[in-house]
Structure formats: C-alpha cells, structure tokens
Amino acid sequence: MSGELWSLDAWTLLVILAMALVTYATRVAGVVLVRFIPVRGRLAAALEAIPGSVLIALIAPMVLATGIAETVAAVLTLAVAFRGPPILAILTGVGSVVALRAAGL
C-alpha cells in the first residue's frame, strides 16, 4: 500500500475536529439545559420518543431501498419485537435475512 492512501491534510483534520467539537457541544448542552427545564408532560413524551424515531430513520431506508430479503426480514423482526425479548428479535432479523439471501431472494 502506498503512504498516500492514509494521508490526511490539515484542512480535513480541522474539519473532523470541528465536527467532533460541535457534536460534543450539543450533547453537553442538552444535559446542561435539561437541568433547568422540568421534564414532564409533553416534553417527557417527546424525549421518550426520540430513540425510536432515530432507529426508524436509520432502518426505514434500508428496508425500502434494498431487496425482498431485507424487507421480509424487517417485517419478521418487527413481528417478533412486539411479542418477544429484544435478543429474539435481533436473532430473528439476522437469521431470516441470512436464510432468505441464501435461498436466493
């Protein structure tokens, strides 16, 4: 491998560090601001909905933009997730997508 494959100029490094700083600052700001705002009612419900919303935002494009195996696996995983423990849903998702791909779907 050549050394240029892993080279990093100063501008790229600066941008990466700036993004890391902004990401960290938003996390710290959230923790600090929540200390001064009472979390109840609608705000509590909105904050509780965030993890699920982020998960759906990450998964939905994969389910809709990939093949039939991934879509069927997602539906099976969702069905198991409503009825069983999370580890069973994970195993169902991984196992079904592997089996469906192996079957040629």
N, C-alpha and C. Protein backbone atom coordinates (compact mmCIF):
# COMPACT_ATOMS: atom_id res chain seq x y z
N MET A 1 0.84 -1.18 0.00
CA MET A 1 0.00 0.00 0.00
C MET A 1 0.87 1.24 0.00
N SER A 2 0.41 2.25 -0.68
CA SER A 2 1.18 3.49 -0.70
C SER A 2 0.84 4.32 0.53
N GLY A 3 1.74 5.19 0.88
CA GLY A 3 1.54 6.06 2.02
C GLY A 3 0.46 7.10 1.79
N GLU A 4 0.16 7.40 0.54
CA GLU A 4 -0.85 8.41 0.23
C GLU A 4 -2.26 7.94 0.54
N LEU A 5 -2.47 6.65 0.62
CA LEU A 5 -3.80 6.13 0.92
C LEU A 5 -4.29 6.64 2.27
N TRP A 6 -3.39 6.78 3.19
CA TRP A 6 -3.76 7.21 4.54
C TRP A 6 -3.32 8.63 4.86
N SER A 7 -2.98 9.40 3.86
CA SER A 7 -2.55 10.77 4.13
C SER A 7 -3.75 11.62 4.51
N LEU A 8 -3.51 12.64 5.31
CA LEU A 8 -4.57 13.50 5.81
C LEU A 8 -4.04 14.92 5.83
N ASP A 9 -4.66 15.78 5.06
CA ASP A 9 -4.18 17.16 5.05
C ASP A 9 -4.75 17.92 6.25
N ALA A 10 -4.19 19.07 6.52
CA ALA A 10 -4.55 19.84 7.71
C ALA A 10 -6.01 20.29 7.67
N TRP A 11 -6.51 20.67 6.50
CA TRP A 11 -7.89 21.14 6.39
C TRP A 11 -8.89 20.03 6.74
N THR A 12 -8.65 18.83 6.26
CA THR A 12 -9.53 17.71 6.56
C THR A 12 -9.51 17.41 8.05
N LEU A 13 -8.33 17.41 8.64
CA LEU A 13 -8.21 17.17 10.07
C LEU A 13 -8.95 18.24 10.86
N LEU A 14 -8.84 19.50 10.45
CA LEU A 14 -9.52 20.60 11.12
C LEU A 14 -11.04 20.42 11.04
N VAL A 15 -11.54 20.02 9.90
CA VAL A 15 -12.99 19.82 9.74
C VAL A 15 -13.47 18.67 10.61
N ILE A 16 -12.71 17.59 10.66
CA ILE A 16 -13.08 16.45 11.51
C ILE A 16 -13.11 16.85 12.97
N LEU A 17 -12.11 17.58 13.41
CA LEU A 17 -12.07 18.04 14.80
C LEU A 17 -13.21 19.00 15.10
N ALA A 18 -13.54 19.88 14.15
CA ALA A 18 -14.65 20.82 14.35
C ALA A 18 -15.97 20.07 14.48
N MET A 19 -16.16 19.06 13.64
CA MET A 19 -17.40 18.26 13.73
C MET A 19 -17.48 17.53 15.06
N ALA A 20 -16.36 17.01 15.52
CA ALA A 20 -16.34 16.33 16.82
C ALA A 20 -16.68 17.30 17.94
N LEU A 21 -16.13 18.51 17.87
CA LEU A 21 -16.40 19.52 18.89
C LEU A 21 -17.87 19.92 18.91
N VAL A 22 -18.44 20.14 17.74
CA VAL A 22 -19.86 20.50 17.65
C VAL A 22 -20.74 19.38 18.17
N THR A 23 -20.42 18.15 17.83
CA THR A 23 -21.19 17.00 18.31
C THR A 23 -21.13 16.92 19.83
N TYR A 24 -19.94 17.06 20.37
CA TYR A 24 -19.78 17.01 21.82
C TYR A 24 -20.51 18.17 22.50
N ALA A 25 -20.41 19.36 21.90
CA ALA A 25 -21.07 20.54 22.48
C ALA A 25 -22.58 20.37 22.53
N THR A 26 -23.17 19.80 21.49
CA THR A 26 -24.62 19.61 21.51
C THR A 26 -25.03 18.60 22.57
N ARG A 27 -24.22 17.58 22.77
CA ARG A 27 -24.55 16.61 23.82
C ARG A 27 -24.45 17.25 25.20
N VAL A 28 -23.40 17.99 25.44
CA VAL A 28 -23.23 18.65 26.73
C VAL A 28 -24.32 19.69 26.95
N ALA A 29 -24.64 20.46 25.91
CA ALA A 29 -25.68 21.47 26.03
C ALA A 29 -27.02 20.84 26.39
N GLY A 30 -27.32 19.69 25.80
CA GLY A 30 -28.57 19.01 26.14
C GLY A 30 -28.63 18.61 27.60
N VAL A 31 -27.54 18.07 28.11
CA VAL A 31 -27.50 17.67 29.51
C VAL A 31 -27.61 18.88 30.43
N VAL A 32 -26.93 19.96 30.10
CA VAL A 32 -26.96 21.17 30.92
C VAL A 32 -28.34 21.81 30.89
N LEU A 33 -28.94 21.92 29.71
CA LEU A 33 -30.24 22.57 29.60
C LEU A 33 -31.35 21.78 30.28
N VAL A 34 -31.28 20.48 30.26
CA VAL A 34 -32.32 19.67 30.89
C VAL A 34 -32.31 19.87 32.41
N ARG A 35 -31.20 20.26 32.97
CA ARG A 35 -31.15 20.50 34.42
C ARG A 35 -32.02 21.68 34.82
N PHE A 36 -32.26 22.63 33.91
CA PHE A 36 -33.01 23.83 34.23
C PHE A 36 -34.46 23.78 33.75
N ILE A 37 -34.83 22.75 33.03
CA ILE A 37 -36.18 22.64 32.50
C ILE A 37 -36.85 21.43 33.13
N PRO A 38 -38.01 21.63 33.72
CA PRO A 38 -38.71 20.47 34.28
C PRO A 38 -39.20 19.55 33.15
N VAL A 39 -38.87 18.29 33.24
CA VAL A 39 -39.22 17.34 32.20
C VAL A 39 -40.46 16.57 32.65
N ARG A 40 -41.59 16.98 32.11
CA ARG A 40 -42.85 16.29 32.41
C ARG A 40 -43.83 16.55 31.27
N GLY A 41 -44.86 15.81 31.23
CA GLY A 41 -45.91 16.00 30.24
C GLY A 41 -45.45 15.76 28.82
N ARG A 42 -45.73 16.73 27.95
CA ARG A 42 -45.41 16.60 26.54
C ARG A 42 -43.92 16.50 26.27
N LEU A 43 -43.12 17.26 27.02
CA LEU A 43 -41.67 17.21 26.83
C LEU A 43 -41.14 15.83 27.17
N ALA A 44 -41.61 15.25 28.24
CA ALA A 44 -41.17 13.90 28.61
C ALA A 44 -41.56 12.89 27.53
N ALA A 45 -42.78 13.03 27.01
CA ALA A 45 -43.23 12.11 25.95
C ALA A 45 -42.39 12.28 24.69
N ALA A 46 -42.06 13.53 24.35
CA ALA A 46 -41.24 13.79 23.16
C ALA A 46 -39.84 13.22 23.34
N LEU A 47 -39.25 13.40 24.50
CA LEU A 47 -37.90 12.88 24.75
C LEU A 47 -37.90 11.35 24.75
N GLU A 48 -38.96 10.74 25.22
CA GLU A 48 -39.04 9.28 25.22
C GLU A 48 -39.21 8.73 23.81
N ALA A 49 -39.76 9.52 22.89
CA ALA A 49 -39.99 9.07 21.52
C ALA A 49 -38.75 9.19 20.64
N ILE A 50 -37.76 9.94 21.06
CA ILE A 50 -36.58 10.18 20.23
C ILE A 50 -35.82 8.90 19.86
N PRO A 51 -35.50 8.01 20.80
CA PRO A 51 -34.74 6.82 20.39
C PRO A 51 -35.44 5.98 19.32
N GLY A 52 -36.73 5.78 19.46
CA GLY A 52 -37.47 5.03 18.46
C GLY A 52 -37.50 5.73 17.11
N SER A 53 -37.64 7.04 17.15
CA SER A 53 -37.66 7.81 15.90
C SER A 53 -36.33 7.73 15.17
N VAL A 54 -35.25 7.83 15.92
CA VAL A 54 -33.93 7.73 15.30
C VAL A 54 -33.72 6.34 14.73
N LEU A 55 -34.14 5.32 15.45
CA LEU A 55 -33.99 3.96 14.97
C LEU A 55 -34.77 3.75 13.67
N ILE A 56 -35.98 4.24 13.62
CA ILE A 56 -36.79 4.12 12.40
C ILE A 56 -36.15 4.89 11.25
N ALA A 57 -35.61 6.06 11.54
CA ALA A 57 -34.95 6.86 10.50
C ALA A 57 -33.74 6.14 9.92
N LEU A 58 -33.08 5.34 10.72
CA LEU A 58 -31.93 4.58 10.24
C LEU A 58 -32.34 3.31 9.50
N ILE A 59 -33.39 2.67 9.96
CA ILE A 59 -33.79 1.38 9.40
C ILE A 59 -34.67 1.51 8.17
N ALA A 60 -35.58 2.47 8.15
CA ALA A 60 -36.56 2.58 7.06
C ALA A 60 -35.92 2.67 5.67
N PRO A 61 -34.89 3.47 5.46
CA PRO A 61 -34.30 3.50 4.11
C PRO A 61 -33.75 2.13 3.68
N MET A 62 -33.17 1.39 4.61
CA MET A 62 -32.64 0.07 4.27
C MET A 62 -33.78 -0.87 3.89
N VAL A 63 -34.86 -0.81 4.60
CA VAL A 63 -35.99 -1.70 4.33
C VAL A 63 -36.62 -1.37 2.98
N LEU A 64 -36.71 -0.09 2.66
CA LEU A 64 -37.40 0.33 1.45
C LEU A 64 -36.51 0.34 0.21
N ALA A 65 -35.21 0.42 0.39
CA ALA A 65 -34.31 0.59 -0.76
C ALA A 65 -33.52 -0.66 -1.12
N THR A 66 -33.67 -1.73 -0.36
CA THR A 66 -32.91 -2.94 -0.65
C THR A 66 -33.83 -4.02 -1.21
N GLY A 67 -33.38 -5.23 -1.23
CA GLY A 67 -34.12 -6.32 -1.85
C GLY A 67 -35.24 -6.88 -1.00
N ILE A 68 -35.88 -7.87 -1.55
CA ILE A 68 -37.01 -8.51 -0.88
C ILE A 68 -36.58 -9.23 0.39
N ALA A 69 -35.37 -9.78 0.43
CA ALA A 69 -34.91 -10.49 1.63
C ALA A 69 -34.86 -9.57 2.83
N GLU A 70 -34.34 -8.37 2.65
CA GLU A 70 -34.23 -7.42 3.76
C GLU A 70 -35.60 -6.92 4.20
N THR A 71 -36.50 -6.73 3.24
CA THR A 71 -37.84 -6.26 3.57
C THR A 71 -38.61 -7.31 4.36
N VAL A 72 -38.55 -8.56 3.91
CA VAL A 72 -39.23 -9.65 4.62
C VAL A 72 -38.60 -9.84 6.00
N ALA A 73 -37.29 -9.78 6.09
CA ALA A 73 -36.61 -9.91 7.39
C ALA A 73 -37.03 -8.80 8.34
N ALA A 74 -37.19 -7.60 7.83
CA ALA A 74 -37.61 -6.48 8.68
C ALA A 74 -39.02 -6.69 9.20
N VAL A 75 -39.91 -7.19 8.35
CA VAL A 75 -41.29 -7.45 8.79
C VAL A 75 -41.31 -8.56 9.85
N LEU A 76 -40.55 -9.62 9.63
CA LEU A 76 -40.47 -10.71 10.62
C LEU A 76 -39.89 -10.20 11.95
N THR A 77 -38.86 -9.39 11.85
CA THR A 77 -38.23 -8.85 13.05
C THR A 77 -39.20 -7.96 13.82
N LEU A 78 -39.94 -7.15 13.11
CA LEU A 78 -40.93 -6.28 13.75
C LEU A 78 -42.00 -7.11 14.46
N ALA A 79 -42.46 -8.16 13.82
CA ALA A 79 -43.47 -9.02 14.43
C ALA A 79 -42.95 -9.66 15.71
N VAL A 80 -41.71 -10.14 15.68
CA VAL A 80 -41.13 -10.77 16.87
C VAL A 80 -40.85 -9.72 17.95
N ALA A 81 -40.45 -8.52 17.55
CA ALA A 81 -40.14 -7.47 18.52
C ALA A 81 -41.35 -7.08 19.35
N PHE A 82 -42.54 -7.16 18.75
CA PHE A 82 -43.75 -6.82 19.51
C PHE A 82 -44.15 -7.91 20.50
N ARG A 83 -43.68 -9.12 20.29
CA ARG A 83 -44.11 -10.25 21.12
C ARG A 83 -43.02 -10.79 22.04
N GLY A 84 -41.76 -10.64 21.67
CA GLY A 84 -40.71 -11.30 22.43
C GLY A 84 -39.63 -10.36 22.91
N PRO A 85 -38.61 -10.92 23.52
CA PRO A 85 -37.50 -10.11 24.02
C PRO A 85 -36.64 -9.57 22.86
N PRO A 86 -35.92 -8.47 23.09
CA PRO A 86 -35.11 -7.87 22.03
C PRO A 86 -34.09 -8.83 21.42
N ILE A 87 -33.48 -9.69 22.21
CA ILE A 87 -32.47 -10.59 21.67
C ILE A 87 -33.10 -11.56 20.67
N LEU A 88 -34.33 -11.97 20.91
CA LEU A 88 -35.02 -12.84 19.97
C LEU A 88 -35.33 -12.11 18.66
N ALA A 89 -35.68 -10.83 18.77
CA ALA A 89 -35.93 -10.03 17.56
C ALA A 89 -34.65 -9.87 16.75
N ILE A 90 -33.55 -9.63 17.43
CA ILE A 90 -32.26 -9.48 16.74
C ILE A 90 -31.89 -10.77 16.03
N LEU A 91 -32.00 -11.89 16.74
CA LEU A 91 -31.67 -13.18 16.14
C LEU A 91 -32.60 -13.51 14.97
N THR A 92 -33.86 -13.14 15.10
CA THR A 92 -34.81 -13.36 14.01
C THR A 92 -34.42 -12.54 12.79
N GLY A 93 -34.08 -11.28 13.00
CA GLY A 93 -33.70 -10.42 11.88
C GLY A 93 -32.46 -10.91 11.17
N VAL A 94 -31.43 -11.20 11.92
CA VAL A 94 -30.18 -11.65 11.32
C VAL A 94 -30.37 -13.02 10.66
N GLY A 95 -31.00 -13.93 11.37
CA GLY A 95 -31.20 -15.27 10.83
C GLY A 95 -32.08 -15.27 9.59
N SER A 96 -33.13 -14.49 9.60
CA SER A 96 -34.02 -14.50 8.44
C SER A 96 -33.39 -13.86 7.22
N VAL A 97 -32.63 -12.80 7.38
CA VAL A 97 -32.01 -12.18 6.22
C VAL A 97 -30.92 -13.11 5.65
N VAL A 98 -30.22 -13.80 6.51
CA VAL A 98 -29.21 -14.76 6.04
C VAL A 98 -29.88 -15.90 5.28
N ALA A 99 -30.94 -16.44 5.87
CA ALA A 99 -31.64 -17.56 5.23
C ALA A 99 -32.28 -17.14 3.91
N LEU A 100 -32.90 -15.97 3.89
CA LEU A 100 -33.55 -15.50 2.66
C LEU A 100 -32.53 -15.22 1.55
N ARG A 101 -31.39 -14.65 1.93
CA ARG A 101 -30.35 -14.41 0.92
C ARG A 101 -29.79 -15.73 0.40
N ALA A 102 -29.62 -16.69 1.30
CA ALA A 102 -29.12 -18.00 0.88
C ALA A 102 -30.11 -18.70 -0.03
N ALA A 103 -31.40 -18.42 0.16
CA ALA A 103 -32.44 -19.02 -0.67
C ALA A 103 -32.55 -18.31 -2.03
N GLY A 104 -31.79 -17.24 -2.18
CA GLY A 104 -31.80 -16.55 -3.47
C GLY A 104 -32.75 -15.39 -3.58
N LEU A 105 -33.33 -14.98 -2.50
CA LEU A 105 -34.25 -13.82 -2.54
C LEU A 105 -33.51 -12.51 -2.43
